[in-house]
Amino acid sequence: MIVVGASGSSNARHLAEVCREEGTRTYHIEDASELEPAWLEGVKVLGLTAGASTPAWMMDEVVECIRAIAASGRPAPAAA
């Protein structure tokens, strides 16, 4: 599970905590640049969620980066 949201966001932190408590391997990131290709190795199903204040464009970047990693094993360059 990948949770997108500011490290200071109590909502995003809580989402990550709930996922971990359920036994799900969970990564809390602030943006697509923090994604690690190794996290996706062998993964067949991936969950993605975000804190309430995470903008849609940021989620779009994360989805694009995940797709690029899945296709090539390397992250897509983050948009400026």
Protein backbone atom coordinates (compact mmCIF):
# COMPACT_ATOMS: atom_id res chain seq x y z
CA MET A 1 0.00 0.00 0.00
CA ILE A 2 1.26 3.45 -0.83
CA VAL A 3 -0.10 6.42 1.10
CA VAL A 4 0.56 9.84 -0.43
CA GLY A 5 0.53 12.87 1.82
CA ALA A 6 2.68 15.34 3.67
CA SER A 7 4.75 13.87 6.46
CA GLY A 8 3.10 16.38 8.78
CA SER A 9 -0.40 15.35 7.76
CA SER A 10 -2.09 13.56 10.63
CA ASN A 11 -4.65 12.16 8.19
CA ALA A 12 -2.02 10.57 5.90
CA ARG A 13 -0.06 9.27 8.89
CA HIS A 14 -3.22 7.69 10.30
CA LEU A 15 -4.05 6.04 6.96
CA ALA A 16 -0.56 4.51 6.90
CA GLU A 17 -0.91 3.33 10.51
CA VAL A 18 -4.26 1.64 9.80
CA CYS A 19 -2.82 -0.15 6.77
CA ARG A 20 0.18 -1.38 8.78
CA GLU A 21 -2.06 -2.52 11.66
CA GLU A 22 -3.93 -4.67 9.13
CA GLY A 23 -0.65 -6.34 8.21
CA THR A 24 -0.17 -4.62 4.87
CA ARG A 25 3.30 -3.55 3.77
CA THR A 26 2.83 0.22 3.61
CA TYR A 27 4.93 3.14 2.41
CA HIS A 28 4.06 6.76 3.25
CA ILE A 29 5.45 9.15 0.66
CA GLU A 30 5.10 12.87 0.06
CA ASP A 31 5.40 12.71 -3.74
CA ALA A 32 6.36 10.51 -6.71
CA SER A 33 10.08 11.23 -6.31
CA GLU A 34 10.11 9.07 -3.16
CA LEU A 35 8.90 5.90 -4.89
CA GLU A 36 11.42 3.06 -4.89
CA PRO A 37 11.30 0.48 -7.71
CA ALA A 38 12.26 -2.26 -5.22
CA TRP A 39 8.93 -1.74 -3.44
CA LEU A 40 7.10 -3.03 -6.52
CA GLU A 41 9.20 -6.12 -7.17
CA GLY A 42 6.95 -9.17 -7.18
CA VAL A 43 3.86 -7.10 -6.35
CA LYS A 44 0.71 -8.26 -8.14
CA VAL A 45 -1.80 -5.95 -6.42
CA LEU A 46 -1.00 -2.45 -5.19
CA GLY A 47 -3.20 -0.16 -3.15
CA LEU A 48 -2.90 3.61 -3.41
CA THR A 49 -4.55 6.17 -1.16
CA ALA A 50 -3.92 9.72 -0.05
CA GLY A 51 -4.48 12.15 2.73
CA ALA A 52 -7.48 14.46 2.39
CA SER A 53 -5.39 17.48 1.35
CA THR A 54 -3.28 15.68 -1.26
CA PRO A 55 -3.97 17.34 -4.62
CA ALA A 56 -5.25 15.26 -7.54
CA TRP A 57 -2.33 16.30 -9.75
CA MET A 58 0.09 14.80 -7.22
CA MET A 59 -1.82 11.52 -7.25
CA ASP A 60 -1.70 11.56 -11.06
CA GLU A 61 2.10 11.90 -10.90
CA VAL A 62 2.36 9.00 -8.46
CA VAL A 63 0.18 6.79 -10.69
CA GLU A 64 2.29 7.72 -13.73
CA CYS A 65 5.48 6.88 -11.87
CA ILE A 66 4.11 3.54 -10.63
CA ARG A 67 3.13 2.62 -14.19
CA ALA A 68 6.60 3.54 -15.45
CA ILE A 69 8.28 1.46 -12.75
CA ALA A 70 6.02 -1.51 -13.50
CA ALA A 71 6.78 -1.24 -17.21
CA SER A 72 10.52 -0.67 -17.03
CA GLY A 73 11.76 -1.18 -13.52
CA ARG A 74 12.82 2.46 -13.37
CA PRO A 75 10.94 5.50 -12.10
CA ALA A 76 9.59 8.07 -14.52
CA PRO A 77 11.06 11.54 -14.10
CA ALA A 78 8.97 13.60 -11.73
CA ALA A 79 7.19 16.54 -13.34
CA ALA A 80 8.54 19.96 -12.46
